[in-house]
PDB file of N, CA and C in Angstrom:
ATOM      1  N   MET A   1     -71.081 -55.340-182.961  1.00  0.00           N
ATOM      2  CA  MET A   1     -71.191 -55.217-181.339  1.00  0.00           C
ATOM      3  C   MET A   1     -70.791 -56.529-180.999  1.00  0.00           C
ATOM      4  N   ALA A   2     -69.602 -56.847-180.927  1.00  0.00           N
ATOM      5  CA  ALA A   2     -68.907 -58.514-181.132  1.00  0.00           C
ATOM      6  C   ALA A   2     -69.863 -58.728-179.974  1.00  0.00           C
ATOM      7  N   ASP A   3     -70.152 -60.378-179.554  1.00  0.00           N
ATOM      8  CA  ASP A   3     -70.396 -60.162-178.303  1.00  0.00           C
ATOM      9  C   ASP A   3     -69.584 -61.041-177.188  1.00  0.00           C
ATOM     10  N   LEU A   4     -70.583 -60.271-176.435  1.00  0.00           N
ATOM     11  CA  LEU A   4     -69.651 -60.035-175.014  1.00  0.00           C
ATOM     12  C   LEU A   4     -69.789 -61.416-174.377  1.00  0.00           C
ATOM     13  N   LYS A   5     -70.745 -61.806-174.602  1.00  0.00           N
ATOM     14  CA  LYS A   5     -70.604 -62.977-173.504  1.00  0.00           C
ATOM     15  C   LYS A   5     -69.553 -64.199-173.731  1.00  0.00           C
ATOM     16  N   LYS A   6     -69.456 -64.874-175.369  1.00  0.00           N
ATOM     17  CA  LYS A   6     -68.394 -66.091-175.549  1.00  0.00           C
ATOM     18  C   LYS A   6     -67.056 -65.301-175.552  1.00  0.00           C
ATOM     19  N   THR A   7     -66.801 -64.159-174.447  1.00  0.00           N
ATOM     20  CA  THR A   7     -65.534 -63.676-174.872  1.00  0.00           C
ATOM     21  C   THR A   7     -64.562 -64.381-173.424  1.00  0.00           C
ATOM     22  N   GLN A   8     -63.070 -64.843-174.164  1.00  0.00           N
ATOM     23  CA  GLN A   8     -62.779 -66.146-173.284  1.00  0.00           C
ATOM     24  C   GLN A   8     -61.959 -64.623-172.553  1.00  0.00           C
ATOM     25  N   ALA A   9     -62.358 -63.542-171.686  1.00  0.00           N
ATOM     26  CA  ALA A   9     -61.417 -62.731-170.389  1.00  0.00           C
ATOM     27  C   ALA A   9     -62.114 -63.506-169.297  1.00  0.00           C
ATOM     28  N   PRO A  10     -60.407 -63.635-168.594  1.00  0.00           N
ATOM     29  CA  PRO A  10     -60.523 -64.624-166.997  1.00  0.00           C
ATOM     30  C   PRO A  10     -62.030 -64.027-166.016  1.00  0.00           C
ATOM     31  N   LEU A  11     -62.598 -64.476-165.930  1.00  0.00           N
ATOM     32  CA  LEU A  11     -63.710 -64.805-164.734  1.00  0.00           C
ATOM     33  C   LEU A  11     -62.640 -63.506-163.098  1.00  0.00           C
ATOM     34  N   SER A  12     -61.688 -63.929-162.634  1.00  0.00           N
ATOM     35  CA  SER A  12     -60.811 -63.606-161.937  1.00  0.00           C
ATOM     36  C   SER A  12     -59.537 -63.154-162.449  1.00  0.00           C
ATOM     37  N   THR A  13     -58.903 -62.696-160.954  1.00  0.00           N
ATOM     38  CA  THR A  13     -58.309 -61.486-161.056  1.00  0.00           C
ATOM     39  C   THR A  13     -56.428 -62.115-161.854  1.00  0.00           C
ATOM     40  N   ILE A  14     -55.970 -61.475-162.452  1.00  0.00           N
ATOM     41  CA  ILE A  14     -54.681 -62.110-163.141  1.00  0.00           C
ATOM     42  C   ILE A  14     -53.692 -61.214-163.478  1.00  0.00           C
ATOM     43  N   THR A  15     -52.538 -61.850-163.398  1.00  0.00           N
ATOM     44  CA  THR A  15     -51.851 -59.956-163.347  1.00  0.00           C
ATOM     45  C   THR A  15     -51.036 -60.876-165.343  1.00  0.00           C
ATOM     46  N   TYR A  16     -50.865 -59.449-165.821  1.00  0.00           N
ATOM     47  CA  TYR A  16     -50.479 -59.751-167.046  1.00  0.00           C
ATOM     48  C   TYR A  16     -49.045 -58.591-167.354  1.00  0.00           C
ATOM     49  N   ASP A  17     -48.556 -59.127-168.670  1.00  0.00           N
ATOM     50  CA  ASP A  17     -47.405 -58.350-169.263  1.00  0.00           C
ATOM     51  C   ASP A  17     -47.789 -57.302-169.117  1.00  0.00           C
ATOM     52  N   ARG A  18     -46.688 -56.192-168.317  1.00  0.00           N
ATOM     53  CA  ARG A  18     -47.129 -54.726-168.647  1.00  0.00           C
ATOM     54  C   ARG A  18     -46.664 -54.443-170.280  1.00  0.00           C
ATOM     55  N   LYS A  19     -45.642 -55.535-170.267  1.00  0.00           N
ATOM     56  CA  LYS A  19     -44.774 -55.604-171.859  1.00  0.00           C
ATOM     57  C   LYS A  19     -46.198 -55.711-172.983  1.00  0.00           C
ATOM     58  N   LYS A  20     -46.574 -56.424-173.021  1.00  0.00           N
ATOM     59  CA  LYS A  20     -48.030 -56.807-173.905  1.00  0.00           C
ATOM     60  C   LYS A  20     -48.872 -55.492-173.656  1.00  0.00           C
ATOM     61  N   VAL A  21     -48.828 -54.666-172.942  1.00  0.00           N
ATOM     62  CA  VAL A  21     -50.763 -54.464-172.705  1.00  0.00           C
ATOM     63  C   VAL A  21     -49.450 -52.948-173.557  1.00  0.00           C
ATOM     64  N   LYS A  22     -48.514 -52.119-172.784  1.00  0.00           N
ATOM     65  CA  LYS A  22     -47.918 -51.346-173.834  1.00  0.00           C
ATOM     66  C   LYS A  22     -47.611 -51.262-174.860  1.00  0.00           C
ATOM     67  N   ALA A  23     -47.781 -52.813-175.247  1.00  0.00           N
ATOM     68  CA  ALA A  23     -46.889 -52.111-176.953  1.00  0.00           C
ATOM     69  C   ALA A  23     -47.723 -52.537-177.496  1.00  0.00           C
ATOM     70  N   PRO A  24     -48.940 -51.601-178.373  1.00  0.00           N
ATOM     71  CA  PRO A  24     -49.576 -51.450-179.117  1.00  0.00           C
ATOM     72  C   PRO A  24     -49.955 -49.535-179.500  1.00  0.00           C
ATOM     73  N   THR A  25     -49.043 -48.730-178.013  1.00  0.00           N
ATOM     74  CA  THR A  25     -49.262 -47.447-178.680  1.00  0.00           C
ATOM     75  C   THR A  25     -47.395 -47.187-177.289  1.00  0.00           C
ATOM     76  N   GLY A  26     -46.884 -47.919-176.935  1.00  0.00           N
ATOM     77  CA  GLY A  26     -45.274 -47.695-176.868  1.00  0.00           C
ATOM     78  C   GLY A  26     -46.111 -46.776-175.318  1.00  0.00           C
ATOM     79  N   ASN A  27     -46.285 -46.883-175.105  1.00  0.00           N
ATOM     80  CA  ASN A  27     -47.118 -45.956-173.460  1.00  0.00           C
ATOM     81  C   ASN A  27     -48.282 -46.866-172.469  1.00  0.00           C
ATOM     82  N   ILE A  28     -47.440 -47.040-171.526  1.00  0.00           N
ATOM     83  CA  ILE A  28     -47.976 -48.204-170.315  1.00  0.00           C
ATOM     84  C   ILE A  28     -50.522 -47.248-169.952  1.00  0.00           C
ATOM     85  N   TYR A  29     -49.870 -45.955-169.681  1.00  0.00           N
ATOM     86  CA  TYR A  29     -50.936 -45.187-169.300  1.00  0.00           C
ATOM     87  C   TYR A  29     -51.666 -44.331-170.496  1.00  0.00           C
ATOM     88  N   LYS A  30     -51.062 -44.134-172.026  1.00  0.00           N
ATOM     89  CA  LYS A  30     -51.772 -44.553-172.950  1.00  0.00           C
ATOM     90  C   LYS A  30     -52.431 -45.680-173.620  1.00  0.00           C
ATOM     91  N   ALA A  31     -51.660 -46.531-172.718  1.00  0.00           N
ATOM     92  CA  ALA A  31     -52.574 -48.380-173.599  1.00  0.00           C
ATOM     93  C   ALA A  31     -54.208 -47.997-172.265  1.00  0.00           C
ATOM     94  N   ILE A  32     -53.474 -48.229-170.864  1.00  0.00           N
ATOM     95  CA  ILE A  32     -54.543 -47.954-169.522  1.00  0.00           C
ATOM     96  C   ILE A  32     -55.489 -47.228-170.459  1.00  0.00           C
ATOM     97  N   LYS A  33     -56.126 -45.699-170.604  1.00  0.00           N
ATOM     98  CA  LYS A  33     -56.148 -44.818-170.344  1.00  0.00           C
ATOM     99  C   LYS A  33     -57.904 -45.627-171.847  1.00  0.00           C
ATOM    100  N   ILE A  34     -56.999 -46.178-173.201  1.00  0.00           N
ATOM    101  CA  ILE A  34     -58.004 -47.000-173.864  1.00  0.00           C
ATOM    102  C   ILE A  34     -58.252 -48.047-173.646  1.00  0.00           C
ATOM    103  N   VAL A  35     -58.036 -48.524-172.798  1.00  0.00           N
ATOM    104  CA  VAL A  35     -58.951 -50.070-172.083  1.00  0.00           C
ATOM    105  C   VAL A  35     -59.597 -50.136-171.244  1.00  0.00           C
ATOM    106  N   ALA A  36     -59.797 -48.022-170.680  1.00  0.00           N
ATOM    107  CA  ALA A  36     -61.082 -47.609-169.667  1.00  0.00           C
ATOM    108  C   ALA A  36     -61.626 -47.227-170.173  1.00  0.00           C
ATOM    109  N   LYS A  37     -61.751 -46.563-172.245  1.00  0.00           N
ATOM    110  CA  LYS A  37     -63.005 -46.332-172.112  1.00  0.00           C
ATOM    111  C   LYS A  37     -63.183 -47.621-173.038  1.00  0.00           C
ATOM    112  N   ARG A  38     -62.826 -48.447-173.137  1.00  0.00           N
ATOM    113  CA  ARG A  38     -63.337 -49.646-174.307  1.00  0.00           C
ATOM    114  C   ARG A  38     -64.137 -49.939-172.981  1.00  0.00           C
ATOM    115  N   ALA A  39     -63.904 -50.531-171.449  1.00  0.00           N
ATOM    116  CA  ALA A  39     -64.948 -50.693-170.676  1.00  0.00           C
ATOM    117  C   ALA A  39     -65.810 -50.002-170.240  1.00  0.00           C
ATOM    118  N   GLU A  40     -65.677 -49.109-170.798  1.00  0.00           N
ATOM    119  CA  GLU A  40     -67.081 -48.067-169.861  1.00  0.00           C
ATOM    120  C   GLU A  40     -68.181 -48.321-170.871  1.00  0.00           C
ATOM    121  N   GLN A  41     -67.363 -48.342-172.562  1.00  0.00           N
ATOM    122  CA  GLN A  41     -68.632 -48.478-173.161  1.00  0.00           C
ATOM    123  C   GLN A  41     -69.030 -50.034-173.306  1.00  0.00           C
ATOM    124  N   ILE A  42     -68.615 -51.331-172.701  1.00  0.00           N
ATOM    125  CA  ILE A  42     -69.132 -52.719-171.891  1.00  0.00           C
ATOM    126  C   ILE A  42     -69.437 -52.490-171.490  1.00  0.00           C
ATOM    127  N   ASN A  43     -69.894 -51.351-170.483  1.00  0.00           N
ATOM    128  CA  ASN A  43     -70.518 -51.566-168.945  1.00  0.00           C
ATOM    129  C   ASN A  43     -71.625 -50.966-169.593  1.00  0.00           C
ATOM    130  N   GLY A  44     -71.538 -50.271-170.034  1.00  0.00           N
ATOM    131  CA  GLY A  44     -72.689 -49.503-170.892  1.00  0.00           C
ATOM    132  C   GLY A  44     -73.637 -50.735-171.632  1.00  0.00           C
ATOM    133  N   GLU A  45     -72.660 -50.763-172.572  1.00  0.00           N
ATOM    134  CA  GLU A  45     -73.845 -52.232-173.270  1.00  0.00           C
ATOM    135  C   GLU A  45     -74.208 -53.129-172.598  1.00  0.00           C
ATOM    136  N   LEU A  46     -73.463 -53.774-171.555  1.00  0.00           N
ATOM    137  CA  LEU A  46     -74.126 -54.847-170.992  1.00  0.00           C
ATOM    138  C   LEU A  46     -75.326 -53.869-169.822  1.00  0.00           C
ATOM    139  N   LYS A  47     -74.782 -52.974-169.108  1.00  0.00           N
ATOM    140  CA  LYS A  47     -75.922 -53.016-168.695  1.00  0.00           C
ATOM    141  C   LYS A  47     -77.423 -51.931-168.870  1.00  0.00           C
ATOM    142  N   ASP A  48     -77.456 -51.486-170.391  1.00  0.00           N
ATOM    143  CA  ASP A  48     -78.908 -51.600-171.300  1.00  0.00           C
ATOM    144  C   ASP A  48     -79.255 -52.731-172.275  1.00  0.00           C
ATOM    145  N   GLU A  49     -78.917 -54.186-172.174  1.00  0.00           N
ATOM    146  CA  GLU A  49     -78.643 -54.967-172.262  1.00  0.00           C
ATOM    147  C   GLU A  49     -79.690 -55.886-171.128  1.00  0.00           C
ATOM    148  N   LEU A  50     -79.021 -56.052-170.288  1.00  0.00           N
ATOM    149  CA  LEU A  50     -79.536 -56.318-169.047  1.00  0.00           C
ATOM    150  C   LEU A  50     -80.990 -55.398-168.441  1.00  0.00           C
ATOM    151  N   LEU A  51     -80.871 -54.697-169.294  1.00  0.00           N
ATOM    152  CA  LEU A  51     -82.060 -54.283-168.116  1.00  0.00           C
ATOM    153  C   LEU A  51     -83.765 -53.910-169.130  1.00  0.00           C
ATOM    154  N   LYS A  52     -83.247 -54.407-170.724  1.00  0.00           N
ATOM    155  CA  LYS A  52     -83.847 -54.227-171.754  1.00  0.00           C
ATOM    156  C   LYS A  52     -84.823 -55.420-171.571  1.00  0.00           C
ATOM    157  N   LYS A  53     -84.477 -56.124-170.504  1.00  0.00           N
ATOM    158  CA  LYS A  53     -84.483 -58.123-170.791  1.00  0.00           C
ATOM    159  C   LYS A  53     -84.951 -58.585-169.211  1.00  0.00           C
ATOM    160  N   LEU A  54     -84.635 -57.483-168.295  1.00  0.00           N
ATOM    161  CA  LEU A  54     -85.497 -57.064-166.867  1.00  0.00           C
ATOM    162  C   LEU A  54     -86.889 -56.368-167.256  1.00  0.00           C
ATOM    163  N   LYS A  55     -86.857 -55.816-167.844  1.00  0.00           N
ATOM    164  CA  LYS A  55     -88.463 -54.775-168.814  1.00  0.00           C
ATOM    165  C   LYS A  55     -88.642 -55.613-169.381  1.00  0.00           C
ATOM    166  N   GLU A  56     -88.665 -56.974-169.794  1.00  0.00           N
ATOM    167  CA  GLU A  56     -89.849 -57.626-169.828  1.00  0.00           C
ATOM    168  C   GLU A  56     -90.542 -58.657-168.700  1.00  0.00           C
ATOM    169  N   PHE A  57     -89.972 -57.962-168.009  1.00  0.00           N
ATOM    170  CA  PHE A  57     -90.979 -58.899-166.278  1.00  0.00           C
ATOM    171  C   PHE A  57     -91.742 -57.881-166.245  1.00  0.00           C
ATOM    172  N   GLU A  58     -91.650 -56.514-166.378  1.00  0.00           N
ATOM    173  CA  GLU A  58     -92.254 -55.101-166.117  1.00  0.00           C
ATOM    174  C   GLU A  58     -93.787 -55.848-165.519  1.00  0.00           C
ATOM    175  N   THR A  59     -94.491 -55.648-164.735  1.00  0.00           N
ATOM    176  CA  THR A  59     -95.712 -55.989-164.782  1.00  0.00           C
ATOM    177  C   THR A  59     -96.630 -54.531-164.339  1.00  0.00           C
ATOM    178  N   ASP A  60     -97.765 -53.793-164.787  1.00  0.00           N
ATOM    179  CA  ASP A  60     -98.346 -53.185-163.656  1.00  0.00           C
ATOM    180  C   ASP A  60     -98.946 -53.509-161.847  1.00  0.00           C
ATOM    181  N   GLN A  61     -99.255 -54.466-162.053  1.00  0.00           N
ATOM    182  CA  GLN A  61     -99.554 -55.456-160.785  1.00  0.00           C
ATOM    183  C   GLN A  61     -98.360 -56.260-160.162  1.00  0.00           C
ATOM    184  N   ASP A  62     -97.389 -55.654-159.386  1.00  0.00           N
ATOM    185  CA  ASP A  62     -96.062 -56.582-158.323  1.00  0.00           C
ATOM    186  C   ASP A  62     -96.982 -56.543-157.105  1.00  0.00           C
ATOM    187  N   SER A  63     -96.805 -58.448-156.916  1.00  0.00           N
ATOM    188  CA  SER A  63     -97.471 -58.526-155.827  1.00  0.00           C
ATOM    189  C   SER A  63     -96.440 -59.970-155.320  1.00  0.00           C
ATOM    190  N   LEU A  64     -96.160 -59.434-154.403  1.00  0.00           N
ATOM    191  CA  LEU A  64     -94.690 -59.904-153.151  1.00  0.00           C
ATOM    192  C   LEU A  64     -94.502 -61.578-153.946  1.00  0.00           C
ATOM    193  N   ALA A  65     -95.461 -62.043-153.745  1.00  0.00           N
ATOM    194  CA  ALA A  65     -95.462 -63.560-154.285  1.00  0.00           C
ATOM    195  C   ALA A  65     -94.147 -63.863-156.286  1.00  0.00           C
ATOM    196  N   GLU A  66     -95.123 -62.419-156.657  1.00  0.00           N
ATOM    197  CA  GLU A  66     -94.202 -62.308-158.545  1.00  0.00           C
ATOM    198  C   GLU A  66     -92.466 -61.372-158.298  1.00  0.00           C
ATOM    199  N   ILE A  67     -92.667 -60.886-156.629  1.00  0.00           N
ATOM    200  CA  ILE A  67     -91.119 -60.397-156.718  1.00  0.00           C
ATOM    201  C   ILE A  67     -90.424 -61.274-156.244  1.00  0.00           C
ATOM    202  N   PHE A  68     -90.411 -61.854-155.442  1.00  0.00           N
ATOM    203  CA  PHE A  68     -89.818 -63.291-154.686  1.00  0.00           C
ATOM    204  C   PHE A  68     -89.855 -64.475-155.779  1.00  0.00           C
ATOM    205  N   GLU A  69     -90.633 -64.974-156.298  1.00  0.00           N
ATOM    206  CA  GLU A  69     -90.622 -66.562-157.188  1.00  0.00           C
ATOM    207  C   GLU A  69     -90.367 -65.916-158.526  1.00  0.00           C
ATOM    208  N   ASN A  70     -89.641 -65.066-158.837  1.00  0.00           N
ATOM    209  CA  ASN A  70     -90.070 -64.995-160.032  1.00  0.00           C
ATOM    210  C   ASN A  70     -88.094 -65.819-160.545  1.00  0.00           C
ATOM    211  N   LYS A  71     -88.292 -67.421-161.072  1.00  0.00           N
ATOM    212  CA  LYS A  71     -86.897 -67.056-160.988  1.00  0.00           C
ATOM    213  C   LYS A  71     -86.727 -67.017-162.554  1.00  0.00           C
ATOM    214  N   GLU A  72     -87.195 -66.835-163.680  1.00  0.00           N
ATOM    215  CA  GLU A  72     -86.410 -66.397-164.762  1.00  0.00           C
ATOM    216  C   GLU A  72     -86.174 -64.406-165.303  1.00  0.00           C
ATOM    217  N   GLN A  73     -86.582 -64.534-164.001  1.00  0.00           N
ATOM    218  CA  GLN A  73     -85.519 -62.884-164.557  1.00  0.00           C
ATOM    219  C   GLN A  73     -84.130 -62.779-162.695  1.00  0.00           C
ATOM    220  N   ILE A  74     -84.291 -64.192-161.731  1.00  0.00           N
ATOM    221  CA  ILE A  74     -83.492 -63.909-161.096  1.00  0.00           C
ATOM    222  C   ILE A  74     -81.924 -65.251-162.371  1.00  0.00           C
ATOM    223  N   ASP A  75     -82.553 -65.914-162.469  1.00  0.00           N
ATOM    224  CA  ASP A  75     -81.690 -66.107-163.631  1.00  0.00           C
ATOM    225  C   ASP A  75     -80.252 -65.972-164.641  1.00  0.00           C
ATOM    226  N   ILE A  76     -81.338 -64.503-164.749  1.00  0.00           N
ATOM    227  CA  ILE A  76     -80.438 -63.471-166.568  1.00  0.00           C
ATOM    228  C   ILE A  76     -80.309 -62.458-165.609  1.00  0.00           C
ATOM    229  N   SER A  77     -80.356 -62.073-164.486  1.00  0.00           N
ATOM    230  CA  SER A  77     -79.544 -61.690-163.218  1.00  0.00           C
ATOM    231  C   SER A  77     -78.729 -62.295-162.843  1.00  0.00           C
ATOM    232  N   ARG A  78     -78.180 -63.209-162.300  1.00  0.00           N
ATOM    233  CA  ARG A  78     -77.283 -63.930-162.620  1.00  0.00           C
ATOM    234  C   ARG A  78     -76.270 -64.656-163.374  1.00  0.00           C
ATOM    235  N   PHE A  79     -76.785 -64.555-164.175  1.00  0.00           N
ATOM    236  CA  PHE A  79     -76.251 -64.998-165.946  1.00  0.00           C
ATOM    237  C   PHE A  79     -75.041 -63.733-165.670  1.00  0.00           C
ATOM    238  N   TYR A  80     -75.488 -61.991-165.748  1.00  0.00           N
ATOM    239  CA  TYR A  80     -75.347 -60.909-166.417  1.00  0.00           C
ATOM    240  C   TYR A  80     -73.691 -60.924-165.099  1.00  0.00           C
ATOM    241  N   GLU A  81     -73.975 -61.281-163.719  1.00  0.00           N
ATOM    242  CA  GLU A  81     -73.319 -61.128-162.391  1.00  0.00           C
ATOM    243  C   GLU A  81     -71.943 -62.107-163.153  1.00  0.00           C
ATOM    244  N   ARG A  82     -72.612 -63.563-163.769  1.00  0.00           N
ATOM    245  CA  ARG A  82     -70.887 -64.169-164.055  1.00  0.00           C
ATOM    246  C   ARG A  82     -70.052 -63.886-165.452  1.00  0.00           C
ATOM    247  N   LEU A  83     -70.928 -62.704-165.390  1.00  0.00           N
ATOM    248  CA  LEU A  83     -70.303 -62.861-167.132  1.00  0.00           C
ATOM    249  C   LEU A  83     -68.528 -62.383-166.472  1.00  0.00           C
ATOM    250  N   PRO A  84     -67.618 -61.910-167.020  1.00  0.00           N
ATOM    251  CA  PRO A  84     -65.733 -61.337-166.511  1.00  0.00           C
ATOM    252  C   PRO A  84     -67.096 -59.711-166.435  1.00  0.00           C
ATOM    253  N   LYS A  85     -66.101 -59.445-165.574  1.00  0.00           N
ATOM    254  CA  LYS A  85     -65.539 -57.321-165.354  1.00  0.00           C
ATOM    255  C   LYS A  85     -65.529 -56.713-167.360  1.00  0.00           C
ATOM    256  N   PRO A  86     -66.516 -55.779-166.780  1.00  0.00           N
ATOM    257  CA  PRO A  86     -65.576 -55.197-168.199  1.00  0.00           C
ATOM    258  C   PRO A  86     -64.103 -54.977-168.135  1.00  0.00           C
ATOM    259  N   THR A  87     -63.918 -54.386-167.721  1.00  0.00           N
ATOM    260  CA  THR A  87     -62.488 -54.055-167.591  1.00  0.00           C
ATOM    261  C   THR A  87     -61.291 -55.690-167.741  1.00  0.00           C
ATOM    262  N   ALA A  88     -61.943 -56.509-167.716  1.00  0.00           N
ATOM    263  CA  ALA A  88     -61.001 -57.802-168.465  1.00  0.00           C
ATOM    264  C   ALA A  88     -61.534 -58.199-169.167  1.00  0.00           C
ATOM    265  N   ILE A  89     -63.199 -57.996-169.916  1.00  0.00           N
ATOM    266  CA  ILE A  89     -63.262 -58.431-171.250  1.00  0.00           C
ATOM    267  C   ILE A  89     -62.385 -57.150-172.565  1.00  0.00           C
ATOM    268  N   ALA A  90     -62.541 -55.400-171.921  1.00  0.00           N
ATOM    269  CA  ALA A  90     -61.423 -54.648-172.603  1.00  0.00           C
ATOM    270  C   ALA A  90     -59.855 -55.018-172.709  1.00  0.00           C
ATOM    271  N   LEU A  91     -59.568 -55.527-171.785  1.00  0.00           N
ATOM    272  CA  LEU A  91     -58.186 -55.727-171.853  1.00  0.00           C
ATOM    273  C   LEU A  91     -57.887 -57.695-172.378  1.00  0.00           C
ATOM    274  N   GLN A  92     -58.675 -58.012-171.889  1.00  0.00           N
ATOM    275  CA  GLN A  92     -58.568 -58.662-173.491  1.00  0.00           C
ATOM    276  C   GLN A  92     -58.870 -58.724-174.794  1.00  0.00           C
ATOM    277  N   GLU A  93     -59.911 -57.879-174.556  1.00  0.00           N
ATOM    278  CA  GLU A  93     -59.528 -57.184-176.668  1.00  0.00           C
ATOM    279  C   GLU A  93     -58.455 -56.149-176.929  1.00  0.00           C
ATOM    280  N   TRP A  94     -58.773 -55.798-176.229  1.00  0.00           N
ATOM    281  CA  TRP A  94     -56.598 -55.286-175.611  1.00  0.00           C
ATOM    282  C   TRP A  94     -55.802 -55.721-177.126  1.00  0.00           C
ATOM    283  N   LEU A  95     -55.339 -56.979-176.173  1.00  0.00           N
ATOM    284  CA  LEU A  95     -54.831 -57.633-176.046  1.00  0.00           C
ATOM    285  C   LEU A  95     -55.273 -58.820-177.197  1.00  0.00           C
ATOM    286  N   GLU A  96     -55.437 -57.995-177.739  1.00  0.00           N
ATOM    287  CA  GLU A  96     -56.003 -59.373-179.025  1.00  0.00           C
ATOM    288  C   GLU A  96     -55.805 -59.043-180.480  1.00  0.00           C
ATOM    289  N   GLY A  97     -55.590 -56.961-180.090  1.00  0.00           N
ATOM    290  CA  GLY A  97     -56.021 -56.152-181.620  1.00  0.00           C
ATOM    291  C   GLY A  97     -57.771 -55.861-181.926  1.00  0.00           C
ATOM    292  N   LYS A  98     -58.102 -55.986-180.813  1.00  0.00           N
ATOM    293  CA  LYS A  98     -59.628 -55.994-181.603  1.00  0.00           C
ATOM    294  C   LYS A  98     -60.542 -54.473-181.023  1.00  0.00           C
ATOM    295  N   ILE A  99     -59.111 -52.926-180.302  1.00  0.00           N
ATOM    296  CA  ILE A  99     -60.002 -52.497-179.954  1.00  0.00           C
ATOM    297  C   ILE A  99     -58.857 -51.275-181.559  1.00  0.00           C
ATOM    298  N   TYR A 100     -60.176 -50.733-181.834  1.00  0.00           N
ATOM    299  CA  TYR A 100     -59.345 -49.604-182.671  1.00  0.00           C
ATOM    300  C   TYR A 100     -58.879 -48.437-182.170  1.00  0.00           C
ATOM    301  N   TRP A 101     -58.154 -47.500-182.167  1.00  0.00           N
ATOM    302  CA  TRP A 101     -57.120 -46.660-181.623  1.00  0.00           C
ATOM    303  C   TRP A 101     -56.667 -45.951-182.647  1.00  0.00           C
ATOM    304  N   ARG A 102     -56.377 -44.878-182.335  1.00  0.00           N
ATOM    305  CA  ARG A 102     -55.574 -43.547-183.333  1.00  0.00           C
ATOM    306  C   ARG A 102     -54.812 -42.434-182.536  1.00  0.00           C
ATOM    307  N   ASP A 103     -53.679 -41.968-182.310  1.00  0.00           N
ATOM    308  CA  ASP A 103     -53.590 -40.974-182.179  1.00  0.00           C
ATOM    309  C   ASP A 103     -53.321 -39.596-183.330  1.00  0.00           C
ATOM    310  N   MET A 104     -54.564 -38.281-182.029  1.00  0.00           N
ATOM    311  CA  MET A 104     -54.736 -37.700-182.585  1.00  0.00           C
ATOM    312  C   MET A 104     -53.136 -36.532-182.314  1.00  0.00           C
ATOM    313  N   SER A 105     -53.371 -35.791-183.435  1.00  0.00           N
ATOM    314  CA  SER A 105     -52.406 -34.445-184.075  1.00  0.00           C
ATOM    315  C   SER A 105     -52.362 -33.755-182.180  1.00  0.00           C
ATOM    316  N   GLU A 106     -51.896 -32.513-181.918  1.00  0.00           N
ATOM    317  CA  GLU A 106     -52.194 -31.760-180.844  1.00  0.00           C
ATOM    318  C   GLU A 106     -52.437 -30.347-181.818  1.00  0.00           C
ATOM    319  N   GLU A 107     -53.195 -30.193-183.017  1.00  0.00           N
ATOM    320  CA  GLU A 107     -53.932 -29.697-183.819  1.00  0.00           C
ATOM    321  C   GLU A 107     -55.970 -30.123-183.632  1.00  0.00           C
ATOM    322  N   GLU A 108     -55.018 -31.911-184.516  1.00  0.00           N
ATOM    323  CA  GLU A 108     -56.956 -32.428-184.282  1.00  0.00           C
ATOM    324  C   GLU A 108     -57.116 -32.274-182.995  1.00  0.00           C
ATOM    325  N   TYR A 109     -56.657 -32.826-181.554  1.00  0.00           N
ATOM    326  CA  TYR A 109     -57.150 -32.831-180.597  1.00  0.00           C
ATOM    327  C   TYR A 109     -57.564 -31.214-179.495  1.00  0.00           C
ATOM    328  N   ASN A 110     -57.267 -30.157-180.363  1.00  0.00           N
ATOM    329  CA  ASN A 110     -58.186 -29.278-180.354  1.00  0.00           C
ATOM    330  C   ASN A 110     -58.689 -28.743-180.737  1.00  0.00           C
ATOM    331  N   GLU A 111     -59.268 -29.018-181.976  1.00  0.00           N
ATOM    332  CA  GLU A 111     -60.263 -29.638-182.645  1.00  0.00           C
ATOM    333  C   GLU A 111     -61.406 -29.841-182.207  1.00  0.00           C
ATOM    334  N   PHE A 112     -61.387 -30.700-181.367  1.00  0.00           N
ATOM    335  CA  PHE A 112     -61.537 -31.956-181.612  1.00  0.00           C
ATOM    336  C   PHE A 112     -62.538 -31.771-179.536  1.00  0.00           C
ATOM    337  N   LYS A 113     -61.966 -31.021-178.883  1.00  0.00           N
ATOM    338  CA  LYS A 113     -61.798 -30.420-177.964  1.00  0.00           C
ATOM    339  C   LYS A 113     -63.415 -29.367-177.850  1.00  0.00           C
TER     340      LYS A 113
END
């Protein structure tokens, strides 16, 4: 797994050159579908990682003071909120050629279903 926290993906919305996005597949829709699938994977990885870190702070007895004063837990949540969105990370990976994909023939596709 690549370190998603060290990505150079933009934090805000930017415009991409459509020709560069579709270049690997020759089809913009296919490229977007591949990037979307990768974004789903990234989102799942980040969510699992965040939940695992937050689970360390769980206690059997929660008092209101513990809930509101857990600075470390808040810092971890803020860190993940500041990361680029999964779609931006996936698109950056796509443009850098880091996403493996392949075209399936009609027969392979029907067998895969």
